[in-house]
Amino acid sequence: MWAALLNLHMGKIIDISSKLVNEPKFLQVAEGKTYKVDDRKNTVLKMNELLDGGSASAHAIDKAIKLGLGEKAFKEIEAMDLSITAYQSLFIGMMALMMDKSYEDMNKTFRSSTE
């Protein structure tokens, strides 16, 4: 009875609880090198501010990786002494996980924004 009465007073309800998935996401960059990606809203907003205007310089990507993967992961990645192309691939993979896109789709987005 209370459920029926409650529905009368609440009107229409859209249940998004199943959409609010908070599963951890991980980026594997080498054998034994897998890092948790921070895809929380505030982290993504900070990255957007950092990369605003299509700036994808190596310095901006460094800061974005520190935000998205953490300081410890960043230091380990820096020690790998990657090429700029490999570094961009790492960044694209991280952003794909954050935005829940495929690597290929995020790569297209990245390439079109840097041209």
C-alpha atoms as a PDB file:
ATOM      1  CA  MET A   1       0.000   0.000   0.000  1.00  0.00           C
ATOM      2  CA  TRP A   2       2.742   2.453   0.910  1.00  0.00           C
ATOM      3  CA  ALA A   3       4.535   1.788  -2.372  1.00  0.00           C
ATOM      4  CA  ALA A   4       1.412   2.666  -4.348  1.00  0.00           C
ATOM      5  CA  LEU A   5       0.866   5.792  -2.254  1.00  0.00           C
ATOM      6  CA  LEU A   6       4.515   6.789  -2.628  1.00  0.00           C
ATOM      7  CA  ASN A   7       4.311   6.423  -6.419  1.00  0.00           C
ATOM      8  CA  LEU A   8       1.269   8.708  -6.493  1.00  0.00           C
ATOM      9  CA  HIS A   9       3.165  11.480  -4.738  1.00  0.00           C
ATOM     10  CA  MET A  10       6.527  11.076  -6.432  1.00  0.00           C
ATOM     11  CA  GLY A  11       5.472  11.015 -10.035  1.00  0.00           C
ATOM     12  CA  LYS A  12       7.738   9.471 -12.634  1.00  0.00           C
ATOM     13  CA  ILE A  13      10.981   7.814 -11.563  1.00  0.00           C
ATOM     14  CA  ILE A  14      13.941   7.005 -13.785  1.00  0.00           C
ATOM     15  CA  ASP A  15      16.244   4.487 -12.145  1.00  0.00           C
ATOM     16  CA  ILE A  16      19.864   5.106 -13.158  1.00  0.00           C
ATOM     17  CA  SER A  17      21.389   3.062 -10.338  1.00  0.00           C
ATOM     18  CA  SER A  18      22.602   0.394 -12.778  1.00  0.00           C
ATOM     19  CA  LYS A  19      24.313   3.102 -14.871  1.00  0.00           C
ATOM     20  CA  LEU A  20      26.391   4.354 -11.931  1.00  0.00           C
ATOM     21  CA  VAL A  21      29.085   1.747 -12.318  1.00  0.00           C
ATOM     22  CA  ASN A  22      32.251   2.409 -10.389  1.00  0.00           C
ATOM     23  CA  GLU A  23      34.450  -0.420 -11.615  1.00  0.00           C
ATOM     24  CA  PRO A  24      38.169   0.254 -11.478  1.00  0.00           C
ATOM     25  CA  LYS A  25      39.885   0.682 -14.842  1.00  0.00           C
ATOM     26  CA  PHE A  26      43.459  -0.348 -15.511  1.00  0.00           C
ATOM     27  CA  LEU A  27      46.027   0.512 -18.175  1.00  0.00           C
ATOM     28  CA  GLN A  28      48.717  -2.053 -18.957  1.00  0.00           C
ATOM     29  CA  VAL A  29      51.794  -0.413 -20.431  1.00  0.00           C
ATOM     30  CA  ALA A  30      54.243  -3.336 -20.243  1.00  0.00           C
ATOM     31  CA  GLU A  31      54.546  -6.835 -18.816  1.00  0.00           C
ATOM     32  CA  GLY A  32      53.942  -6.437 -15.085  1.00  0.00           C
ATOM     33  CA  LYS A  33      53.229  -2.707 -15.437  1.00  0.00           C
ATOM     34  CA  THR A  34      49.500  -2.166 -14.955  1.00  0.00           C
ATOM     35  CA  TYR A  35      48.158   1.034 -13.428  1.00  0.00           C
ATOM     36  CA  LYS A  36      44.769   2.014 -12.046  1.00  0.00           C
ATOM     37  CA  VAL A  37      43.227   4.938 -13.953  1.00  0.00           C
ATOM     38  CA  ASP A  38      41.540   7.672 -11.899  1.00  0.00           C
ATOM     39  CA  ASP A  39      38.411   8.440 -13.899  1.00  0.00           C
ATOM     40  CA  ARG A  40      36.611  10.441 -11.212  1.00  0.00           C
ATOM     41  CA  LYS A  41      34.823  13.579 -12.331  1.00  0.00           C
ATOM     42  CA  ASN A  42      37.162  16.030 -10.574  1.00  0.00           C
ATOM     43  CA  THR A  43      40.253  14.402 -12.060  1.00  0.00           C
ATOM     44  CA  VAL A  44      38.777  14.572 -15.560  1.00  0.00           C
ATOM     45  CA  LEU A  45      37.799  18.234 -15.033  1.00  0.00           C
ATOM     46  CA  LYS A  46      41.370  19.074 -13.956  1.00  0.00           C
ATOM     47  CA  MET A  47      42.676  17.351 -17.083  1.00  0.00           C
ATOM     48  CA  ASN A  48      40.248  19.252 -19.269  1.00  0.00           C
ATOM     49  CA  GLU A  49      41.516  22.530 -17.793  1.00  0.00           C
ATOM     50  CA  LEU A  50      45.095  21.419 -18.339  1.00  0.00           C
ATOM     51  CA  LEU A  51      44.526  20.381 -21.944  1.00  0.00           C
ATOM     52  CA  ASP A  52      42.043  23.133 -22.837  1.00  0.00           C
ATOM     53  CA  GLY A  53      42.507  24.524 -26.313  1.00  0.00           C
ATOM     54  CA  GLY A  54      43.854  21.318 -27.834  1.00  0.00           C
ATOM     55  CA  SER A  55      47.251  21.623 -26.166  1.00  0.00           C
ATOM     56  CA  ALA A  56      48.748  18.150 -26.167  1.00  0.00           C
ATOM     57  CA  SER A  57      52.361  19.143 -25.538  1.00  0.00           C
ATOM     58  CA  ALA A  58      54.671  16.679 -23.810  1.00  0.00           C
ATOM     59  CA  HIS A  59      54.564  18.881 -20.687  1.00  0.00           C
ATOM     60  CA  ALA A  60      50.744  18.863 -20.608  1.00  0.00           C
ATOM     61  CA  ILE A  61      50.688  15.104 -21.190  1.00  0.00           C
ATOM     62  CA  ASP A  62      53.126  14.656 -18.263  1.00  0.00           C
ATOM     63  CA  LYS A  63      50.782  16.525 -15.950  1.00  0.00           C
ATOM     64  CA  ALA A  64      47.756  14.628 -17.261  1.00  0.00           C
ATOM     65  CA  ILE A  65      49.449  11.270 -16.647  1.00  0.00           C
ATOM     66  CA  LYS A  66      50.349  12.319 -13.099  1.00  0.00           C
ATOM     67  CA  LEU A  67      46.693  13.169 -12.513  1.00  0.00           C
ATOM     68  CA  GLY A  68      45.282  10.073 -14.178  1.00  0.00           C
ATOM     69  CA  LEU A  69      47.709   7.402 -13.004  1.00  0.00           C
ATOM     70  CA  GLY A  70      49.326   8.917  -9.930  1.00  0.00           C
ATOM     71  CA  GLU A  71      52.813  10.107  -9.057  1.00  0.00           C
ATOM     72  CA  LYS A  72      54.277   6.620  -8.465  1.00  0.00           C
ATOM     73  CA  ALA A  73      53.068   5.330 -11.837  1.00  0.00           C
ATOM     74  CA  PHE A  74      54.326   8.487 -13.535  1.00  0.00           C
ATOM     75  CA  LYS A  75      57.821   7.989 -12.098  1.00  0.00           C
ATOM     76  CA  GLU A  76      57.884   4.349 -13.228  1.00  0.00           C
ATOM     77  CA  ILE A  77      56.744   5.353 -16.711  1.00  0.00           C
ATOM     78  CA  GLU A  78      59.358   8.123 -16.867  1.00  0.00           C
ATOM     79  CA  ALA A  79      62.034   5.543 -16.003  1.00  0.00           C
ATOM     80  CA  MET A  80      61.016   3.558 -19.112  1.00  0.00           C
ATOM     81  CA  ASP A  81      62.394   6.420 -21.245  1.00  0.00           C
ATOM     82  CA  LEU A  82      59.649   6.037 -23.871  1.00  0.00           C
ATOM     83  CA  SER A  83      59.605   7.725 -27.258  1.00  0.00           C
ATOM     84  CA  ILE A  84      57.149  10.600 -27.681  1.00  0.00           C
ATOM     85  CA  THR A  85      55.013   8.375 -29.923  1.00  0.00           C
ATOM     86  CA  ALA A  86      54.834   5.667 -27.243  1.00  0.00           C
ATOM     87  CA  TYR A  87      54.096   8.335 -24.629  1.00  0.00           C
ATOM     88  CA  GLN A  88      51.208   9.662 -26.712  1.00  0.00           C
ATOM     89  CA  SER A  89      49.873   6.109 -27.071  1.00  0.00           C
ATOM     90  CA  LEU A  90      49.969   5.723 -23.294  1.00  0.00           C
ATOM     91  CA  PHE A  91      48.085   9.014 -22.889  1.00  0.00           C
ATOM     92  CA  ILE A  92      45.477   8.003 -25.481  1.00  0.00           C
ATOM     93  CA  GLY A  93      44.934   4.661 -23.722  1.00  0.00           C
ATOM     94  CA  MET A  94      44.474   6.389 -20.378  1.00  0.00           C
ATOM     95  CA  MET A  95      41.993   8.880 -21.838  1.00  0.00           C
ATOM     96  CA  ALA A  96      40.077   6.095 -23.615  1.00  0.00           C
ATOM     97  CA  LEU A  97      39.546   4.362 -20.274  1.00  0.00           C
ATOM     98  CA  MET A  98      38.482   7.611 -18.613  1.00  0.00           C
ATOM     99  CA  MET A  99      35.944   8.415 -21.318  1.00  0.00           C
ATOM    100  CA  ASP A 100      34.782   4.810 -21.725  1.00  0.00           C
ATOM    101  CA  LYS A 101      35.781   4.786 -25.400  1.00  0.00           C
ATOM    102  CA  SER A 102      37.788   2.329 -27.434  1.00  0.00           C
ATOM    103  CA  TYR A 103      41.471   3.059 -27.968  1.00  0.00           C
ATOM    104  CA  GLU A 104      40.805   3.482 -31.696  1.00  0.00           C
ATOM    105  CA  ASP A 105      38.034   6.066 -31.166  1.00  0.00           C
ATOM    106  CA  MET A 106      40.135   8.046 -28.694  1.00  0.00           C
ATOM    107  CA  ASN A 107      43.109   7.902 -31.072  1.00  0.00           C
ATOM    108  CA  LYS A 108      40.963   9.455 -33.833  1.00  0.00           C
ATOM    109  CA  THR A 109      39.790  12.169 -31.423  1.00  0.00           C
ATOM    110  CA  PHE A 110      43.365  12.880 -30.315  1.00  0.00           C
ATOM    111  CA  ARG A 111      44.758  12.987 -33.843  1.00  0.00           C
ATOM    112  CA  SER A 112      42.006  15.300 -35.116  1.00  0.00           C
ATOM    113  CA  SER A 113      42.465  17.691 -32.174  1.00  0.00           C
ATOM    114  CA  THR A 114      46.231  17.994 -32.731  1.00  0.00           C
ATOM    115  CA  GLU A 115      46.059  18.689 -36.466  1.00  0.00           C
END
